[in-house]
């Protein structure tokens, strides 16, 4: 599994979540919503990695998924882009 963060998404995280070099953002599985697995969706939070399954560092900010959430991605990479119309991150999944 890989994580890919676009330039637009990185800018959103810096502006909206006030992240900077040395910070960590965790993509986690949450109950409810629509996503890759029925009944679950992706959430995010500032957190320190414990046992990451995948990570991507951009401008000193580390984005990661923990091993206990890896099941959700079912062999897919996480692509995080930016949706200008909604002014929020856009999550896509590509088969690895």
PDB file of N, CA and C in Angstrom:
ATOM      1  N   UNK A   1       0.837  -1.181   0.000  1.00  0.00           N
ATOM      2  CA  UNK A   1       0.000   0.000   0.000  1.00  0.00           C
ATOM      3  C   UNK A   1       0.880   1.242   0.000  1.00  0.00           C
ATOM      4  N   UNK A   2       0.456   2.245  -0.775  1.00  0.00           N
ATOM      5  CA  UNK A   2       1.150   3.530  -0.816  1.00  0.00           C
ATOM      6  C   UNK A   2       0.139   4.643  -0.563  1.00  0.00           C
ATOM      7  N   UNK A   3       0.658   5.765  -0.107  1.00  0.00           N
ATOM      8  CA  UNK A   3      -0.136   6.977   0.059  1.00  0.00           C
ATOM      9  C   UNK A   3       0.465   8.030  -0.858  1.00  0.00           C
ATOM     10  N   UNK A   4      -0.390   8.713  -1.610  1.00  0.00           N
ATOM     11  CA  UNK A   4       0.055   9.787  -2.490  1.00  0.00           C
ATOM     12  C   UNK A   4      -0.743  11.043  -2.152  1.00  0.00           C
ATOM     13  N   UNK A   5      -0.041  12.120  -1.847  1.00  0.00           N
ATOM     14  CA  UNK A   5      -0.653  13.393  -1.469  1.00  0.00           C
ATOM     15  C   UNK A   5      -0.352  14.413  -2.556  1.00  0.00           C
ATOM     16  N   UNK A   6      -1.375  14.980  -3.177  1.00  0.00           N
ATOM     17  CA  UNK A   6      -1.165  15.982  -4.228  1.00  0.00           C
ATOM     18  C   UNK A   6      -0.735  17.315  -3.615  1.00  0.00           C
ATOM     19  N   UNK A   7      -0.210  18.195  -4.456  1.00  0.00           N
ATOM     20  CA  UNK A   7       0.178  19.536  -4.003  1.00  0.00           C
ATOM     21  C   UNK A   7      -1.031  20.298  -3.453  1.00  0.00           C
ATOM     22  N   UNK A   8      -2.171  20.167  -4.130  1.00  0.00           N
ATOM     23  CA  UNK A   8      -3.387  20.848  -3.678  1.00  0.00           C
ATOM     24  C   UNK A   8      -3.854  20.342  -2.323  1.00  0.00           C
ATOM     25  N   UNK A   9      -3.780  19.034  -2.127  1.00  0.00           N
ATOM     26  CA  UNK A   9      -4.174  18.463  -0.835  1.00  0.00           C
ATOM     27  C   UNK A   9      -3.219  18.924   0.261  1.00  0.00           C
ATOM     28  N   UNK A  10      -1.930  18.942  -0.029  1.00  0.00           N
ATOM     29  CA  UNK A  10      -0.948  19.403   0.955  1.00  0.00           C
ATOM     30  C   UNK A  10      -1.245  20.846   1.368  1.00  0.00           C
ATOM     31  N   UNK A  11      -1.546  21.687   0.388  1.00  0.00           N
ATOM     32  CA  UNK A  11      -1.874  23.092   0.693  1.00  0.00           C
ATOM     33  C   UNK A  11      -3.117  23.174   1.578  1.00  0.00           C
ATOM     34  N   UNK A  12      -4.134  22.335   1.305  1.00  0.00           N
ATOM     35  CA  UNK A  12      -5.338  22.325   2.132  1.00  0.00           C
ATOM     36  C   UNK A  12      -5.004  21.955   3.570  1.00  0.00           C
ATOM     37  N   UNK A  13      -4.197  20.907   3.763  1.00  0.00           N
ATOM     38  CA  UNK A  13      -3.827  20.493   5.115  1.00  0.00           C
ATOM     39  C   UNK A  13      -3.074  21.608   5.839  1.00  0.00           C
ATOM     40  N   UNK A  14      -2.208  22.300   5.130  1.00  0.00           N
ATOM     41  CA  UNK A  14      -1.467  23.402   5.753  1.00  0.00           C
ATOM     42  C   UNK A  14      -2.404  24.541   6.148  1.00  0.00           C
ATOM     43  N   UNK A  15      -3.350  24.882   5.264  1.00  0.00           N
ATOM     44  CA  UNK A  15      -4.269  25.996   5.521  1.00  0.00           C
ATOM     45  C   UNK A  15      -5.343  25.650   6.550  1.00  0.00           C
ATOM     46  N   UNK A  16      -5.985  24.504   6.379  1.00  0.00           N
ATOM     47  CA  UNK A  16      -7.144  24.158   7.200  1.00  0.00           C
ATOM     48  C   UNK A  16      -6.784  23.490   8.524  1.00  0.00           C
ATOM     49  N   UNK A  17      -5.720  22.724   8.539  1.00  0.00           N
ATOM     50  CA  UNK A  17      -5.349  22.005   9.766  1.00  0.00           C
ATOM     51  C   UNK A  17      -4.082  22.576  10.394  1.00  0.00           C
ATOM     52  N   UNK A  18      -3.536  23.622   9.770  1.00  0.00           N
ATOM     53  CA  UNK A  18      -2.367  24.319  10.299  1.00  0.00           C
ATOM     54  C   UNK A  18      -1.185  23.370  10.547  1.00  0.00           C
ATOM     55  N   UNK A  19      -0.994  22.401   9.626  1.00  0.00           N
ATOM     56  CA  UNK A  19       0.132  21.478   9.774  1.00  0.00           C
ATOM     57  C   UNK A  19       1.406  22.117   9.236  1.00  0.00           C
ATOM     58  N   UNK A  20       2.519  21.686   9.803  1.00  0.00           N
ATOM     59  CA  UNK A  20       3.825  22.163   9.357  1.00  0.00           C
ATOM     60  C   UNK A  20       4.834  21.040   9.572  1.00  0.00           C
ATOM     61  N   UNK A  21       6.060  21.271   9.159  1.00  0.00           N
ATOM     62  CA  UNK A  21       7.102  20.252   9.263  1.00  0.00           C
ATOM     63  C   UNK A  21       7.156  19.693  10.682  1.00  0.00           C
ATOM     64  N   UNK A  22       7.226  18.378  10.757  1.00  0.00           N
ATOM     65  CA  UNK A  22       7.263  17.696  12.046  1.00  0.00           C
ATOM     66  C   UNK A  22       5.910  17.159  12.500  1.00  0.00           C
ATOM     67  N   UNK A  23       4.837  17.603  11.844  1.00  0.00           N
ATOM     68  CA  UNK A  23       3.499  17.130  12.198  1.00  0.00           C
ATOM     69  C   UNK A  23       3.192  15.804  11.507  1.00  0.00           C
ATOM     70  N   UNK A  24       2.191  15.092  12.054  1.00  0.00           N
ATOM     71  CA  UNK A  24       1.759  13.812  11.511  1.00  0.00           C
ATOM     72  C   UNK A  24       0.240  13.826  11.358  1.00  0.00           C
ATOM     73  N   UNK A  25      -0.233  13.305  10.235  1.00  0.00           N
ATOM     74  CA  UNK A  25      -1.665  13.172   9.993  1.00  0.00           C
ATOM     75  C   UNK A  25      -1.978  11.701   9.738  1.00  0.00           C
ATOM     76  N   UNK A  26      -2.882  11.168  10.527  1.00  0.00           N
ATOM     77  CA  UNK A  26      -3.281   9.770  10.383  1.00  0.00           C
ATOM     78  C   UNK A  26      -4.588   9.670   9.608  1.00  0.00           C
ATOM     79  N   UNK A  27      -4.609   8.798   8.595  1.00  0.00           N
ATOM     80  CA  UNK A  27      -5.838   8.425   7.917  1.00  0.00           C
ATOM     81  C   UNK A  27      -6.336   7.172   8.614  1.00  0.00           C
ATOM     82  N   UNK A  28      -7.545   7.236   9.143  1.00  0.00           N
ATOM     83  CA  UNK A  28      -8.079   6.137   9.938  1.00  0.00           C
ATOM     84  C   UNK A  28      -9.431   5.706   9.396  1.00  0.00           C
ATOM     85  N   UNK A  29      -9.804   4.499   9.737  1.00  0.00           N
ATOM     86  CA  UNK A  29     -11.107   3.972   9.363  1.00  0.00           C
ATOM     87  C   UNK A  29     -12.119   4.445  10.396  1.00  0.00           C
ATOM     88  N   UNK A  30     -13.256   4.889   9.917  1.00  0.00           N
ATOM     89  CA  UNK A  30     -14.324   5.275  10.833  1.00  0.00           C
ATOM     90  C   UNK A  30     -15.616   4.590  10.402  1.00  0.00           C
ATOM     91  N   UNK A  31     -16.432   4.309  11.379  1.00  0.00           N
ATOM     92  CA  UNK A  31     -17.699   3.652  11.127  1.00  0.00           C
ATOM     93  C   UNK A  31     -18.684   4.645  10.531  1.00  0.00           C
ATOM     94  N   UNK A  32     -19.386   4.235   9.483  1.00  0.00           N
ATOM     95  CA  UNK A  32     -20.395   5.077   8.854  1.00  0.00           C
ATOM     96  C   UNK A  32     -19.852   5.787   7.633  1.00  0.00           C
ATOM     97  N   UNK A  33     -20.742   6.333   6.860  1.00  0.00           N
ATOM     98  CA  UNK A  33     -20.362   7.045   5.648  1.00  0.00           C
ATOM     99  C   UNK A  33     -20.198   6.093   4.482  1.00  0.00           C
ATOM    100  N   UNK A  34     -19.685   6.629   3.403  1.00  0.00           N
ATOM    101  CA  UNK A  34     -19.470   5.845   2.185  1.00  0.00           C
ATOM    102  C   UNK A  34     -17.988   5.864   1.854  1.00  0.00           C
ATOM    103  N   UNK A  35     -17.480   4.728   1.487  1.00  0.00           N
ATOM    104  CA  UNK A  35     -16.070   4.644   1.146  1.00  0.00           C
ATOM    105  C   UNK A  35     -15.758   3.347   0.426  1.00  0.00           C
ATOM    106  N   UNK A  36     -14.543   2.924   0.545  1.00  0.00           N
ATOM    107  CA  UNK A  36     -14.074   1.721  -0.132  1.00  0.00           C
ATOM    108  C   UNK A  36     -14.746   0.463   0.413  1.00  0.00           C
ATOM    109  N   UNK A  37     -15.011   0.417   1.709  1.00  0.00           N
ATOM    110  CA  UNK A  37     -15.675  -0.728   2.337  1.00  0.00           C
ATOM    111  C   UNK A  37     -17.076  -0.298   2.788  1.00  0.00           C
ATOM    112  N   UNK A  38     -18.087  -1.109   2.499  1.00  0.00           N
ATOM    113  CA  UNK A  38     -19.459  -0.752   2.886  1.00  0.00           C
ATOM    114  C   UNK A  38     -19.577  -0.495   4.396  1.00  0.00           C
ATOM    115  N   UNK A  39     -20.241   0.628   4.723  1.00  0.00           N
ATOM    116  CA  UNK A  39     -20.482   0.962   6.117  1.00  0.00           C
ATOM    117  C   UNK A  39     -19.337   1.670   6.815  1.00  0.00           C
ATOM    118  N   UNK A  40     -18.248   1.930   6.078  1.00  0.00           N
ATOM    119  CA  UNK A  40     -17.080   2.593   6.661  1.00  0.00           C
ATOM    120  C   UNK A  40     -16.601   3.703   5.728  1.00  0.00           C
ATOM    121  N   UNK A  41     -15.860   4.631   6.272  1.00  0.00           N
ATOM    122  CA  UNK A  41     -15.261   5.698   5.472  1.00  0.00           C
ATOM    123  C   UNK A  41     -13.925   6.086   6.085  1.00  0.00           C
ATOM    124  N   UNK A  42     -13.256   7.000   5.427  1.00  0.00           N
ATOM    125  CA  UNK A  42     -11.930   7.431   5.878  1.00  0.00           C
ATOM    126  C   UNK A  42     -12.087   8.684   6.728  1.00  0.00           C
ATOM    127  N   UNK A  43     -11.354   8.746   7.803  1.00  0.00           N
ATOM    128  CA  UNK A  43     -11.293   9.921   8.647  1.00  0.00           C
ATOM    129  C   UNK A  43      -9.832  10.321   8.799  1.00  0.00           C
ATOM    130  N   UNK A  44      -9.595  11.440   9.413  1.00  0.00           N
ATOM    131  CA  UNK A  44      -8.210  11.867   9.625  1.00  0.00           C
ATOM    132  C   UNK A  44      -8.081  12.593  10.938  1.00  0.00           C
ATOM    133  N   UNK A  45      -6.877  12.551  11.471  1.00  0.00           N
ATOM    134  CA  UNK A  45      -6.618  13.231  12.734  1.00  0.00           C
ATOM    135  C   UNK A  45      -5.124  13.442  12.898  1.00  0.00           C
ATOM    136  N   UNK A  46      -4.739  14.488  13.637  1.00  0.00           N
ATOM    137  CA  UNK A  46      -3.334  14.620  13.994  1.00  0.00           C
ATOM    138  C   UNK A  46      -3.006  13.524  15.005  1.00  0.00           C
ATOM    139  N   UNK A  47      -1.943  12.802  14.765  1.00  0.00           N
ATOM    140  CA  UNK A  47      -1.601  11.665  15.627  1.00  0.00           C
ATOM    141  C   UNK A  47      -0.152  11.286  15.342  1.00  0.00           C
ATOM    142  N   UNK A  48       0.481  10.627  16.288  1.00  0.00           N
ATOM    143  CA  UNK A  48       1.836  10.121  16.074  1.00  0.00           C
ATOM    144  C   UNK A  48       1.765   8.674  15.622  1.00  0.00           C
ATOM    145  N   UNK A  49       2.587   8.291  14.654  1.00  0.00           N
ATOM    146  CA  UNK A  49       2.559   6.903  14.187  1.00  0.00           C
ATOM    147  C   UNK A  49       3.066   5.940  15.249  1.00  0.00           C
ATOM    148  N   UNK A  50       2.428   4.777  15.295  1.00  0.00           N
ATOM    149  CA  UNK A  50       2.842   3.717  16.198  1.00  0.00           C
ATOM    150  C   UNK A  50       3.409   2.556  15.388  1.00  0.00           C
ATOM    151  N   UNK A  51       2.599   2.039  14.483  1.00  0.00           N
ATOM    152  CA  UNK A  51       3.012   0.918  13.643  1.00  0.00           C
ATOM    153  C   UNK A  51       2.427   1.131  12.246  1.00  0.00           C
ATOM    154  N   UNK A  52       2.996   2.058  11.464  1.00  0.00           N
ATOM    155  CA  UNK A  52       2.400   2.411  10.177  1.00  0.00           C
ATOM    156  C   UNK A  52       2.528   1.303   9.122  1.00  0.00           C
ATOM    157  N   UNK A  53       1.444   1.126   8.374  1.00  0.00           N
ATOM    158  CA  UNK A  53       1.441   0.221   7.228  1.00  0.00           C
ATOM    159  C   UNK A  53       1.961   0.947   5.997  1.00  0.00           C
ATOM    160  N   UNK A  54       1.724   2.265   5.942  1.00  0.00           N
ATOM    161  CA  UNK A  54       2.168   3.089   4.816  1.00  0.00           C
ATOM    162  C   UNK A  54       2.310   4.523   5.304  1.00  0.00           C
ATOM    163  N   UNK A  55       3.219   5.255   4.678  1.00  0.00           N
ATOM    164  CA  UNK A  55       3.372   6.672   5.014  1.00  0.00           C
ATOM    165  C   UNK A  55       3.935   7.420   3.815  1.00  0.00           C
ATOM    166  N   UNK A  56       3.702   8.710   3.813  1.00  0.00           N
ATOM    167  CA  UNK A  56       4.210   9.607   2.777  1.00  0.00           C
ATOM    168  C   UNK A  56       4.588  10.906   3.468  1.00  0.00           C
ATOM    169  N   UNK A  57       5.796  11.382   3.221  1.00  0.00           N
ATOM    170  CA  UNK A  57       6.225  12.651   3.794  1.00  0.00           C
ATOM    171  C   UNK A  57       6.239  13.713   2.710  1.00  0.00           C
ATOM    172  N   UNK A  58       5.582  14.836   2.994  1.00  0.00           N
ATOM    173  CA  UNK A  58       5.564  15.976   2.081  1.00  0.00           C
ATOM    174  C   UNK A  58       5.885  17.228   2.874  1.00  0.00           C
ATOM    175  N   UNK A  59       6.926  17.939   2.493  1.00  0.00           N
ATOM    176  CA  UNK A  59       7.342  19.171   3.172  1.00  0.00           C
ATOM    177  C   UNK A  59       7.478  18.981   4.678  1.00  0.00           C
ATOM    178  N   UNK A  60       7.960  17.810   5.083  1.00  0.00           N
ATOM    179  CA  UNK A  60       8.186  17.542   6.499  1.00  0.00           C
ATOM    180  C   UNK A  60       6.961  17.057   7.259  1.00  0.00           C
ATOM    181  N   UNK A  61       5.810  16.995   6.586  1.00  0.00           N
ATOM    182  CA  UNK A  61       4.576  16.501   7.206  1.00  0.00           C
ATOM    183  C   UNK A  61       4.427  15.028   6.825  1.00  0.00           C
ATOM    184  N   UNK A  62       4.212  14.175   7.811  1.00  0.00           N
ATOM    185  CA  UNK A  62       4.064  12.749   7.557  1.00  0.00           C
ATOM    186  C   UNK A  62       2.591  12.361   7.597  1.00  0.00           C
ATOM    187  N   UNK A  63       2.115  11.772   6.505  1.00  0.00           N
ATOM    188  CA  UNK A  63       0.762  11.253   6.382  1.00  0.00           C
ATOM    189  C   UNK A  63       0.878   9.740   6.465  1.00  0.00           C
ATOM    190  N   UNK A  64       0.020   9.084   7.252  1.00  0.00           N
ATOM    191  CA  UNK A  64       0.204   7.647   7.435  1.00  0.00           C
ATOM    192  C   UNK A  64      -1.110   6.919   7.711  1.00  0.00           C
ATOM    193  N   UNK A  65      -1.042   5.592   7.523  1.00  0.00           N
ATOM    194  CA  UNK A  65      -2.115   4.657   7.868  1.00  0.00           C
ATOM    195  C   UNK A  65      -1.490   3.613   8.774  1.00  0.00           C
ATOM    196  N   UNK A  66      -2.134   3.350   9.898  1.00  0.00           N
ATOM    197  CA  UNK A  66      -1.644   2.328  10.826  1.00  0.00           C
ATOM    198  C   UNK A  66      -1.982   0.930  10.308  1.00  0.00           C
ATOM    199  N   UNK A  67      -1.205  -0.055  10.731  1.00  0.00           N
ATOM    200  CA  UNK A  67      -1.427  -1.437  10.310  1.00  0.00           C
ATOM    201  C   UNK A  67      -2.818  -1.938  10.664  1.00  0.00           C
ATOM    202  N   UNK A  68      -3.369  -1.501  11.805  1.00  0.00           N
ATOM    203  CA  UNK A  68      -4.692  -1.997  12.188  1.00  0.00           C
ATOM    204  C   UNK A  68      -5.821  -1.433  11.326  1.00  0.00           C
ATOM    205  N   UNK A  69      -5.534  -0.446  10.486  1.00  0.00           N
ATOM    206  CA  UNK A  69      -6.520   0.096   9.548  1.00  0.00           C
ATOM    207  C   UNK A  69      -6.251  -0.343   8.102  1.00  0.00           C
ATOM    208  N   UNK A  70      -5.210  -1.103   7.889  1.00  0.00           N
ATOM    209  CA  UNK A  70      -4.820  -1.498   6.528  1.00  0.00           C
ATOM    210  C   UNK A  70      -5.896  -2.338   5.837  1.00  0.00           C
ATOM    211  N   UNK A  71      -6.661  -3.120   6.597  1.00  0.00           N
ATOM    212  CA  UNK A  71      -7.704  -3.970   6.018  1.00  0.00           C
ATOM    213  C   UNK A  71      -8.672  -3.181   5.140  1.00  0.00           C
ATOM    214  N   UNK A  72      -8.943  -1.939   5.536  1.00  0.00           N
ATOM    215  CA  UNK A  72      -9.915  -1.112   4.824  1.00  0.00           C
ATOM    216  C   UNK A  72      -9.514  -0.908   3.362  1.00  0.00           C
ATOM    217  N   UNK A  73      -8.227  -0.802   3.105  1.00  0.00           N
ATOM    218  CA  UNK A  73      -7.739  -0.461   1.772  1.00  0.00           C
ATOM    219  C   UNK A  73      -7.675  -1.652   0.832  1.00  0.00           C
ATOM    220  N   UNK A  74      -7.720  -2.873   1.360  1.00  0.00           N
ATOM    221  CA  UNK A  74      -7.872  -4.093   0.571  1.00  0.00           C
ATOM    222  C   UNK A  74      -6.988  -4.107  -0.684  1.00  0.00           C
ATOM    223  N   UNK A  75      -5.687  -3.844  -0.493  1.00  0.00           N
ATOM    224  CA  UNK A  75      -4.756  -3.892  -1.615  1.00  0.00           C
ATOM    225  C   UNK A  75      -4.774  -2.672  -2.518  1.00  0.00           C
ATOM    226  N   UNK A  76      -5.354  -1.582  -2.059  1.00  0.00           N
ATOM    227  CA  UNK A  76      -5.417  -0.341  -2.839  1.00  0.00           C
ATOM    228  C   UNK A  76      -4.455   0.700  -2.255  1.00  0.00           C
ATOM    229  N   UNK A  77      -3.966   1.578  -3.111  1.00  0.00           N
ATOM    230  CA  UNK A  77      -3.224   2.755  -2.676  1.00  0.00           C
ATOM    231  C   UNK A  77      -4.230   3.862  -2.376  1.00  0.00           C
ATOM    232  N   UNK A  78      -3.872   4.736  -1.437  1.00  0.00           N
ATOM    233  CA  UNK A  78      -4.705   5.889  -1.100  1.00  0.00           C
ATOM    234  C   UNK A  78      -4.165   7.108  -1.834  1.00  0.00           C
ATOM    235  N   UNK A  79      -5.001   7.717  -2.666  1.00  0.00           N
ATOM    236  CA  UNK A  79      -4.644   8.924  -3.409  1.00  0.00           C
ATOM    237  C   UNK A  79      -5.449  10.071  -2.803  1.00  0.00           C
ATOM    238  N   UNK A  80      -4.752  11.069  -2.268  1.00  0.00           N
ATOM    239  CA  UNK A  80      -5.423  12.216  -1.654  1.00  0.00           C
ATOM    240  C   UNK A  80      -5.169  13.427  -2.543  1.00  0.00           C
ATOM    241  N   UNK A  81      -6.251  13.942  -3.110  1.00  0.00           N
ATOM    242  CA  UNK A  81      -6.192  15.108  -3.978  1.00  0.00           C
ATOM    243  C   UNK A  81      -7.018  16.216  -3.333  1.00  0.00           C
ATOM    244  N   UNK A  82      -7.209  17.303  -4.042  1.00  0.00           N
ATOM    245  CA  UNK A  82      -7.973  18.434  -3.524  1.00  0.00           C
ATOM    246  C   UNK A  82      -9.115  18.748  -4.487  1.00  0.00           C
ATOM    247  N   UNK A  83     -10.325  18.861  -3.950  1.00  0.00           N
ATOM    248  CA  UNK A  83     -11.500  19.216  -4.737  1.00  0.00           C
ATOM    249  C   UNK A  83     -11.748  20.711  -4.556  1.00  0.00           C
ATOM    250  N   UNK A  84     -11.477  21.488  -5.609  1.00  0.00           N
ATOM    251  CA  UNK A  84     -11.627  22.946  -5.531  1.00  0.00           C
ATOM    252  C   UNK A  84     -13.079  23.365  -5.324  1.00  0.00           C
ATOM    253  N   UNK A  85     -14.025  22.656  -5.941  1.00  0.00           N
ATOM    254  CA  UNK A  85     -15.440  23.021  -5.814  1.00  0.00           C
ATOM    255  C   UNK A  85     -15.950  22.843  -4.391  1.00  0.00           C
ATOM    256  N   UNK A  86     -15.518  21.799  -3.721  1.00  0.00           N
ATOM    257  CA  UNK A  86     -15.965  21.535  -2.353  1.00  0.00           C
ATOM    258  C   UNK A  86     -14.998  22.082  -1.303  1.00  0.00           C
ATOM    259  N   UNK A  87     -13.821  22.514  -1.742  1.00  0.00           N
ATOM    260  CA  UNK A  87     -12.772  23.016  -0.858  1.00  0.00           C
ATOM    261  C   UNK A  87     -12.467  22.014   0.258  1.00  0.00           C
ATOM    262  N   UNK A  88     -12.162  20.772  -0.172  1.00  0.00           N
ATOM    263  CA  UNK A  88     -11.832  19.711   0.771  1.00  0.00           C
ATOM    264  C   UNK A  88     -11.034  18.621   0.071  1.00  0.00           C
ATOM    265  N   UNK A  89     -10.402  17.760   0.848  1.00  0.00           N
ATOM    266  CA  UNK A  89      -9.658  16.657   0.240  1.00  0.00           C
ATOM    267  C   UNK A  89     -10.600  15.711  -0.498  1.00  0.00           C
ATOM    268  N   UNK A  90     -10.076  15.099  -1.544  1.00  0.00           N
ATOM    269  CA  UNK A  90     -10.800  14.096  -2.322  1.00  0.00           C
ATOM    270  C   UNK A  90     -10.002  12.804  -2.246  1.00  0.00           C
ATOM    271  N   UNK A  91     -10.635  11.743  -1.763  1.00  0.00           N
ATOM    272  CA  UNK A  91      -9.954  10.474  -1.582  1.00  0.00           C
ATOM    273  C   UNK A  91     -10.307   9.520  -2.707  1.00  0.00           C
ATOM    274  N   UNK A  92      -9.283   8.948  -3.320  1.00  0.00           N
ATOM    275  CA  UNK A  92      -9.467   7.931  -4.350  1.00  0.00           C
ATOM    276  C   UNK A  92      -8.620   6.717  -3.973  1.00  0.00           C
ATOM    277  N   UNK A  93      -8.981   5.593  -4.541  1.00  0.00           N
ATOM    278  CA  UNK A  93      -8.273   4.355  -4.258  1.00  0.00           C
ATOM    279  C   UNK A  93      -7.889   3.707  -5.588  1.00  0.00           C
ATOM    280  N   UNK A  94      -6.620   3.334  -5.708  1.00  0.00           N
ATOM    281  CA  UNK A  94      -6.132   2.673  -6.915  1.00  0.00           C
ATOM    282  C   UNK A  94      -5.592   1.299  -6.525  1.00  0.00           C
ATOM    283  N   UNK A  95      -6.014   0.286  -7.281  1.00  0.00           N
ATOM    284  CA  UNK A  95      -5.532  -1.069  -7.014  1.00  0.00           C
ATOM    285  C   UNK A  95      -4.016  -1.090  -7.160  1.00  0.00           C
ATOM    286  N   UNK A  96      -3.338  -1.581  -6.138  1.00  0.00           N
ATOM    287  CA  UNK A  96      -1.863  -1.606  -6.126  1.00  0.00           C
ATOM    288  C   UNK A  96      -1.341  -2.707  -7.027  1.00  0.00           C
TER     289      UNK A  96
END
